[in-house]
Amino acid sequence: MFDKEVCRYFMKFLETDFKKSRIPKRNFSLKDRVGNLLAIRTSKYPSFQRALVNLLKDDKNEYSISV
């Protein structure tokens, strides 16, 4: 079943002649249509970025960040 889905995905890609017909489903945006901020660039805050990466790596699922 998985292999059929993968083949179907690539077949659709080939049939479109490598042209983008619509916006990809998997896109990331920092702002919404109105202009509200949806995300922050963590590169500006290295200690927060390290804490966030460590939290995501942790298996305990404790969702608290202390910087």
Protein backbone atom coordinates (compact mmCIF):
# COMPACT_ATOMS: atom_id res chain seq x y z
CA MET A 1 0.00 0.00 0.00
CA PHE A 2 2.79 2.41 0.89
CA ASP A 3 4.62 1.78 -2.36
CA LYS A 4 1.45 2.48 -4.35
CA GLU A 5 1.02 5.82 -2.59
CA VAL A 6 4.62 6.77 -3.28
CA CYS A 7 4.27 5.81 -6.95
CA ARG A 8 1.02 7.78 -7.21
CA TYR A 9 2.70 10.83 -5.69
CA PHE A 10 5.57 10.74 -8.18
CA MET A 11 3.25 9.99 -11.08
CA LYS A 12 1.25 13.14 -10.32
CA PHE A 13 4.51 15.04 -10.12
CA LEU A 14 5.61 13.76 -13.53
CA GLU A 15 2.22 14.40 -15.11
CA THR A 16 2.35 18.08 -14.18
CA ASP A 17 5.52 18.41 -16.26
CA PHE A 18 7.41 19.71 -13.21
CA LYS A 19 5.22 22.79 -13.02
CA LYS A 20 3.77 24.17 -9.84
CA SER A 21 0.02 24.32 -10.23
CA ARG A 22 -0.68 25.34 -6.65
CA ILE A 23 1.01 26.26 -3.41
CA PRO A 24 2.56 23.21 -1.72
CA LYS A 25 0.67 21.80 1.22
CA ARG A 26 3.81 21.75 3.35
CA ASN A 27 4.89 25.35 3.53
CA PHE A 28 6.01 27.31 6.55
CA SER A 29 5.10 30.90 7.09
CA LEU A 30 6.13 33.30 9.83
CA LYS A 31 3.03 35.46 9.34
CA ASP A 32 -0.62 34.80 8.55
CA ARG A 33 -2.69 36.53 5.87
CA VAL A 34 -3.44 39.49 8.13
CA GLY A 35 0.21 39.92 9.12
CA ASN A 36 0.12 38.45 12.62
CA LEU A 37 3.34 36.79 13.73
CA LEU A 38 3.00 32.99 13.90
CA ALA A 39 6.56 32.00 14.80
CA ILE A 40 9.84 33.38 16.05
CA ARG A 41 13.34 32.87 14.72
CA THR A 42 15.12 31.08 17.53
CA SER A 43 18.57 31.83 16.07
CA LYS A 44 18.37 35.23 17.77
CA TYR A 45 18.11 33.47 21.15
CA PRO A 46 20.82 30.75 21.35
CA SER A 47 20.07 29.67 24.94
CA PHE A 48 16.36 29.34 24.14
CA GLN A 49 17.19 27.42 20.97
CA ARG A 50 19.40 24.95 22.90
CA ALA A 51 16.70 24.48 25.53
CA LEU A 52 14.10 23.91 22.84
CA VAL A 53 16.23 21.36 20.99
CA ASN A 54 16.96 19.53 24.25
CA LEU A 55 13.26 19.50 25.07
CA LEU A 56 12.40 18.02 21.69
CA LYS A 57 15.09 15.35 22.10
CA ASP A 58 13.93 14.43 25.61
CA ASP A 59 11.70 11.38 25.98
CA LYS A 60 10.14 12.49 29.28
CA ASN A 61 7.54 14.73 27.59
CA GLU A 62 7.91 17.45 30.21
CA TYR A 63 6.85 20.62 28.45
CA SER A 64 8.64 23.30 30.41
CA ILE A 65 11.54 25.39 29.18
CA SER A 66 13.86 27.15 31.57
CA VAL A 67 16.48 29.41 30.05
